[in-house]
Amino acid sequence: MVDKDKDLFQEFLKIAGNLNNELDIVPVLYGSLGLQMKSGIDFEPEDIDVLVPLKFLNEKWSNLREVVERMGYTFVDLREHEFHKSGIKLAFTFMEDLADFAGVDYRTLETMEMSGVKYHILQVDDFLKVYTRSLSDSYRRTKNNNKDANKIHIIEEMLNQ
């Protein structure tokens, strides 16, 4: 793991710790960074993707936003629930969508604890379901320049070993 990736993961742990302590949220580490931490393969993550309960993107959005902004992040995009800080992009979506989106039950995700911080992470085969489903989403497919197809290929090779 290169230093940038270690820095992203350390930043995720800070975010997760604040979510644990201030909002009683055990977030899900998602996206390329989550897949990299689970698989040990460098997927060159460019941002931090975090899943939280839906209520924190709706009726408790102001609470989540306040916690994140106190960490020095600037809110930039409501559609993506996206924040920026010192070259780091942080985006939130809701964990309940995993079931409808990719057939993954968020209630059965593995819980990790590191330095007193709790978070959830998908299994490698769950990431395969997510990225396979993402390819059918035209917004995501064009946004990510076919990176998801490459991830699927690598995950399939890994699972077939």
C-alpha atoms as a PDB file:
ATOM      1  CA  MET A   1       0.000   0.000   0.000  1.00  0.00           C
ATOM      2  CA  VAL A   2       1.445   3.353  -1.000  1.00  0.00           C
ATOM      3  CA  ASP A   3       1.600   6.257   1.447  1.00  0.00           C
ATOM      4  CA  LYS A   4      -1.377   8.031  -0.153  1.00  0.00           C
ATOM      5  CA  ASP A   5      -3.530   4.937   0.386  1.00  0.00           C
ATOM      6  CA  LYS A   6      -2.357   4.613   3.999  1.00  0.00           C
ATOM      7  CA  ASP A   7      -3.211   8.267   4.493  1.00  0.00           C
ATOM      8  CA  LEU A   8      -6.696   7.711   3.030  1.00  0.00           C
ATOM      9  CA  PHE A   9      -7.291   4.751   5.310  1.00  0.00           C
ATOM     10  CA  GLN A  10      -6.026   6.667   8.355  1.00  0.00           C
ATOM     11  CA  GLU A  11      -8.348   9.524   7.411  1.00  0.00           C
ATOM     12  CA  PHE A  12     -11.230   7.051   7.101  1.00  0.00           C
ATOM     13  CA  LEU A  13     -10.447   5.806  10.624  1.00  0.00           C
ATOM     14  CA  LYS A  14     -10.612   9.394  11.937  1.00  0.00           C
ATOM     15  CA  ILE A  15     -13.945   9.918  10.196  1.00  0.00           C
ATOM     16  CA  ALA A  16     -15.311   6.574  11.416  1.00  0.00           C
ATOM     17  CA  GLY A  17     -14.153   7.342  14.967  1.00  0.00           C
ATOM     18  CA  ASN A  18     -16.016  10.630  14.951  1.00  0.00           C
ATOM     19  CA  LEU A  19     -19.115   8.946  13.501  1.00  0.00           C
ATOM     20  CA  ASN A  20     -18.863   6.214  16.183  1.00  0.00           C
ATOM     21  CA  ASN A  21     -18.508   8.710  19.030  1.00  0.00           C
ATOM     22  CA  GLU A  22     -20.698  11.604  17.968  1.00  0.00           C
ATOM     23  CA  LEU A  23     -23.542   9.969  16.021  1.00  0.00           C
ATOM     24  CA  ASP A  24     -23.382   6.319  17.134  1.00  0.00           C
ATOM     25  CA  ILE A  25     -22.784   5.248  13.525  1.00  0.00           C
ATOM     26  CA  VAL A  26     -20.692   2.229  12.581  1.00  0.00           C
ATOM     27  CA  PRO A  27     -20.007   3.177   8.940  1.00  0.00           C
ATOM     28  CA  VAL A  28     -19.188   0.923   6.024  1.00  0.00           C
ATOM     29  CA  LEU A  29     -15.830   1.395   4.283  1.00  0.00           C
ATOM     30  CA  TYR A  30     -16.820   1.193   0.628  1.00  0.00           C
ATOM     31  CA  GLY A  31     -15.451   1.783  -2.856  1.00  0.00           C
ATOM     32  CA  SER A  32     -11.894   1.240  -4.036  1.00  0.00           C
ATOM     33  CA  LEU A  33     -10.402   1.903  -0.620  1.00  0.00           C
ATOM     34  CA  GLY A  34     -12.676  -0.696   0.996  1.00  0.00           C
ATOM     35  CA  LEU A  35     -11.920  -3.243  -1.714  1.00  0.00           C
ATOM     36  CA  GLN A  36      -8.211  -2.580  -1.355  1.00  0.00           C
ATOM     37  CA  MET A  37      -8.281  -3.010   2.428  1.00  0.00           C
ATOM     38  CA  LYS A  38     -10.248  -6.257   2.097  1.00  0.00           C
ATOM     39  CA  SER A  39      -8.274  -7.770  -0.790  1.00  0.00           C
ATOM     40  CA  GLY A  40      -4.779  -6.410  -0.197  1.00  0.00           C
ATOM     41  CA  ILE A  41      -4.606  -5.390  -3.877  1.00  0.00           C
ATOM     42  CA  ASP A  42      -3.764  -1.784  -4.749  1.00  0.00           C
ATOM     43  CA  PHE A  43      -6.741  -0.319  -6.592  1.00  0.00           C
ATOM     44  CA  GLU A  44      -5.324   3.218  -6.442  1.00  0.00           C
ATOM     45  CA  PRO A  45      -8.245   4.709  -4.506  1.00  0.00           C
ATOM     46  CA  GLU A  46      -8.788   8.380  -5.191  1.00  0.00           C
ATOM     47  CA  ASP A  47     -11.373   9.107  -2.518  1.00  0.00           C
ATOM     48  CA  ILE A  48     -13.096   7.806   0.596  1.00  0.00           C
ATOM     49  CA  ASP A  49     -16.540   6.280   0.069  1.00  0.00           C
ATOM     50  CA  VAL A  50     -18.568   5.709   3.218  1.00  0.00           C
ATOM     51  CA  LEU A  51     -21.978   4.150   3.772  1.00  0.00           C
ATOM     52  CA  VAL A  52     -24.123   5.338   6.672  1.00  0.00           C
ATOM     53  CA  PRO A  53     -27.741   4.701   7.686  1.00  0.00           C
ATOM     54  CA  LEU A  54     -30.220   6.422   5.351  1.00  0.00           C
ATOM     55  CA  LYS A  55     -31.635   8.603   8.130  1.00  0.00           C
ATOM     56  CA  PHE A  56     -28.292  10.468   8.231  1.00  0.00           C
ATOM     57  CA  LEU A  57     -28.671  11.476   4.576  1.00  0.00           C
ATOM     58  CA  ASN A  58     -32.270  12.568   5.118  1.00  0.00           C
ATOM     59  CA  GLU A  59     -33.688  13.767   8.424  1.00  0.00           C
ATOM     60  CA  LYS A  60     -30.326  13.773  10.268  1.00  0.00           C
ATOM     61  CA  TRP A  61     -28.253  15.155   7.370  1.00  0.00           C
ATOM     62  CA  SER A  62     -27.466  18.371   9.268  1.00  0.00           C
ATOM     63  CA  ASN A  63     -25.986  16.321  12.142  1.00  0.00           C
ATOM     64  CA  LEU A  64     -23.736  14.341   9.792  1.00  0.00           C
ATOM     65  CA  ARG A  65     -22.726  17.426   7.853  1.00  0.00           C
ATOM     66  CA  GLU A  66     -21.842  19.278  11.057  1.00  0.00           C
ATOM     67  CA  VAL A  67     -19.601  16.451  12.307  1.00  0.00           C
ATOM     68  CA  VAL A  68     -17.798  16.205   8.963  1.00  0.00           C
ATOM     69  CA  GLU A  69     -17.361  19.969   8.637  1.00  0.00           C
ATOM     70  CA  ARG A  70     -15.889  20.137  12.174  1.00  0.00           C
ATOM     71  CA  MET A  71     -13.189  17.779  10.857  1.00  0.00           C
ATOM     72  CA  GLY A  72     -12.177  20.476   8.370  1.00  0.00           C
ATOM     73  CA  TYR A  73     -14.136  19.265   5.343  1.00  0.00           C
ATOM     74  CA  THR A  74     -16.016  21.597   3.010  1.00  0.00           C
ATOM     75  CA  PHE A  75     -19.387  20.480   1.687  1.00  0.00           C
ATOM     76  CA  VAL A  76     -19.425  20.565  -2.144  1.00  0.00           C
ATOM     77  CA  ASP A  77     -22.209  18.394  -3.647  1.00  0.00           C
ATOM     78  CA  LEU A  78     -25.590  17.328  -2.263  1.00  0.00           C
ATOM     79  CA  ARG A  79     -26.276  14.677  -4.954  1.00  0.00           C
ATOM     80  CA  GLU A  80     -23.084  12.812  -3.998  1.00  0.00           C
ATOM     81  CA  HIS A  81     -23.117  13.957  -0.349  1.00  0.00           C
ATOM     82  CA  GLU A  82     -19.555  14.973  -1.093  1.00  0.00           C
ATOM     83  CA  PHE A  83     -16.987  16.886   0.938  1.00  0.00           C
ATOM     84  CA  HIS A  84     -13.394  17.969   0.213  1.00  0.00           C
ATOM     85  CA  LYS A  85     -10.390  18.641   2.434  1.00  0.00           C
ATOM     86  CA  SER A  86      -6.741  19.078   1.411  1.00  0.00           C
ATOM     87  CA  GLY A  87      -7.105  17.071  -1.780  1.00  0.00           C
ATOM     88  CA  ILE A  88      -9.245  14.352  -0.165  1.00  0.00           C
ATOM     89  CA  LYS A  89     -12.697  13.672  -1.546  1.00  0.00           C
ATOM     90  CA  LEU A  90     -15.164  12.120   0.902  1.00  0.00           C
ATOM     91  CA  ALA A  91     -18.583  10.916  -0.256  1.00  0.00           C
ATOM     92  CA  PHE A  92     -21.469   9.321   1.611  1.00  0.00           C
ATOM     93  CA  THR A  93     -24.314   7.109   0.510  1.00  0.00           C
ATOM     94  CA  PHE A  94     -26.666   4.877   2.479  1.00  0.00           C
ATOM     95  CA  MET A  95     -26.013   1.314   3.538  1.00  0.00           C
ATOM     96  CA  GLU A  96     -29.614   0.148   3.172  1.00  0.00           C
ATOM     97  CA  ASP A  97     -29.259   0.528  -0.610  1.00  0.00           C
ATOM     98  CA  LEU A  98     -26.819  -2.403  -0.741  1.00  0.00           C
ATOM     99  CA  ALA A  99     -29.696  -4.920  -0.718  1.00  0.00           C
ATOM    100  CA  ASP A 100     -31.676  -3.385  -3.600  1.00  0.00           C
ATOM    101  CA  PHE A 101     -28.584  -2.309  -5.529  1.00  0.00           C
ATOM    102  CA  ALA A 102     -26.464  -5.452  -5.309  1.00  0.00           C
ATOM    103  CA  GLY A 103     -28.225  -8.082  -3.200  1.00  0.00           C
ATOM    104  CA  VAL A 104     -25.909  -7.513  -0.223  1.00  0.00           C
ATOM    105  CA  ASP A 105     -27.426  -7.518   3.270  1.00  0.00           C
ATOM    106  CA  TYR A 106     -25.752  -4.683   5.160  1.00  0.00           C
ATOM    107  CA  ARG A 107     -26.837  -6.228   8.480  1.00  0.00           C
ATOM    108  CA  THR A 108     -24.496  -9.183   7.941  1.00  0.00           C
ATOM    109  CA  LEU A 109     -21.354  -7.240   7.018  1.00  0.00           C
ATOM    110  CA  GLU A 110     -18.138  -7.994   8.851  1.00  0.00           C
ATOM    111  CA  THR A 111     -17.410  -5.595  11.710  1.00  0.00           C
ATOM    112  CA  MET A 112     -13.820  -4.504  12.106  1.00  0.00           C
ATOM    113  CA  GLU A 113     -12.224  -2.676  15.006  1.00  0.00           C
ATOM    114  CA  MET A 114      -8.944  -0.833  14.795  1.00  0.00           C
ATOM    115  CA  SER A 115      -7.584   1.513  17.450  1.00  0.00           C
ATOM    116  CA  GLY A 116     -10.999   1.503  19.131  1.00  0.00           C
ATOM    117  CA  VAL A 117     -12.779   2.522  15.909  1.00  0.00           C
ATOM    118  CA  LYS A 118     -15.533   0.267  14.584  1.00  0.00           C
ATOM    119  CA  TYR A 119     -16.523  -0.010  10.955  1.00  0.00           C
ATOM    120  CA  HIS A 120     -18.066  -2.522   8.591  1.00  0.00           C
ATOM    121  CA  ILE A 121     -16.546  -3.891   5.406  1.00  0.00           C
ATOM    122  CA  LEU A 122     -17.907  -5.990   2.562  1.00  0.00           C
ATOM    123  CA  GLN A 123     -16.517  -9.389   1.647  1.00  0.00           C
ATOM    124  CA  VAL A 124     -14.669  -9.646  -1.667  1.00  0.00           C
ATOM    125  CA  ASP A 125     -17.607 -11.453  -3.315  1.00  0.00           C
ATOM    126  CA  ASP A 126     -19.912  -8.630  -2.119  1.00  0.00           C
ATOM    127  CA  PHE A 127     -17.647  -6.111  -3.853  1.00  0.00           C
ATOM    128  CA  LEU A 128     -18.004  -8.227  -7.012  1.00  0.00           C
ATOM    129  CA  LYS A 129     -21.793  -7.915  -6.778  1.00  0.00           C
ATOM    130  CA  VAL A 130     -21.535  -4.154  -6.269  1.00  0.00           C
ATOM    131  CA  TYR A 131     -19.153  -3.512  -9.169  1.00  0.00           C
ATOM    132  CA  THR A 132     -21.078  -5.837 -11.500  1.00  0.00           C
ATOM    133  CA  ARG A 133     -24.253  -3.902 -10.735  1.00  0.00           C
ATOM    134  CA  SER A 134     -22.406  -0.595 -11.155  1.00  0.00           C
ATOM    135  CA  LEU A 135     -21.615  -1.440 -14.760  1.00  0.00           C
ATOM    136  CA  SER A 136     -25.328  -1.289 -15.576  1.00  0.00           C
ATOM    137  CA  ASP A 137     -25.527   2.276 -14.177  1.00  0.00           C
ATOM    138  CA  SER A 138     -24.750   4.627 -17.080  1.00  0.00           C
ATOM    139  CA  TYR A 139     -23.925   7.537 -14.742  1.00  0.00           C
ATOM    140  CA  ARG A 140     -21.375   5.494 -12.837  1.00  0.00           C
ATOM    141  CA  ARG A 141     -20.007   3.747 -15.942  1.00  0.00           C
ATOM    142  CA  THR A 142     -19.136   7.033 -17.660  1.00  0.00           C
ATOM    143  CA  LYS A 143     -18.016   8.681 -14.417  1.00  0.00           C
ATOM    144  CA  ASN A 144     -15.444   6.008 -13.669  1.00  0.00           C
ATOM    145  CA  ASN A 145     -13.885   5.473 -17.089  1.00  0.00           C
ATOM    146  CA  ASN A 146     -14.378   1.683 -17.009  1.00  0.00           C
ATOM    147  CA  LYS A 147     -12.458   1.232 -13.735  1.00  0.00           C
ATOM    148  CA  ASP A 148     -15.282  -0.957 -12.422  1.00  0.00           C
ATOM    149  CA  ALA A 149     -14.835  -3.466 -15.271  1.00  0.00           C
ATOM    150  CA  ASN A 150     -11.148  -3.755 -14.394  1.00  0.00           C
ATOM    151  CA  LYS A 151     -12.003  -4.321 -10.732  1.00  0.00           C
ATOM    152  CA  ILE A 152     -14.485  -7.048 -11.684  1.00  0.00           C
ATOM    153  CA  HIS A 153     -11.818  -8.838 -13.722  1.00  0.00           C
ATOM    154  CA  ILE A 154      -9.320  -8.724 -10.846  1.00  0.00           C
ATOM    155  CA  ILE A 155     -11.903  -9.831  -8.255  1.00  0.00           C
ATOM    156  CA  GLU A 156     -13.043 -12.740 -10.448  1.00  0.00           C
ATOM    157  CA  GLU A 157      -9.449 -13.891 -10.883  1.00  0.00           C
ATOM    158  CA  MET A 158      -8.883 -13.635  -7.143  1.00  0.00           C
ATOM    159  CA  LEU A 159     -12.056 -15.598  -6.292  1.00  0.00           C
ATOM    160  CA  ASN A 160     -11.216 -18.317  -8.830  1.00  0.00           C
ATOM    161  CA  GLN A 161      -7.816 -19.109  -7.334  1.00  0.00           C
END
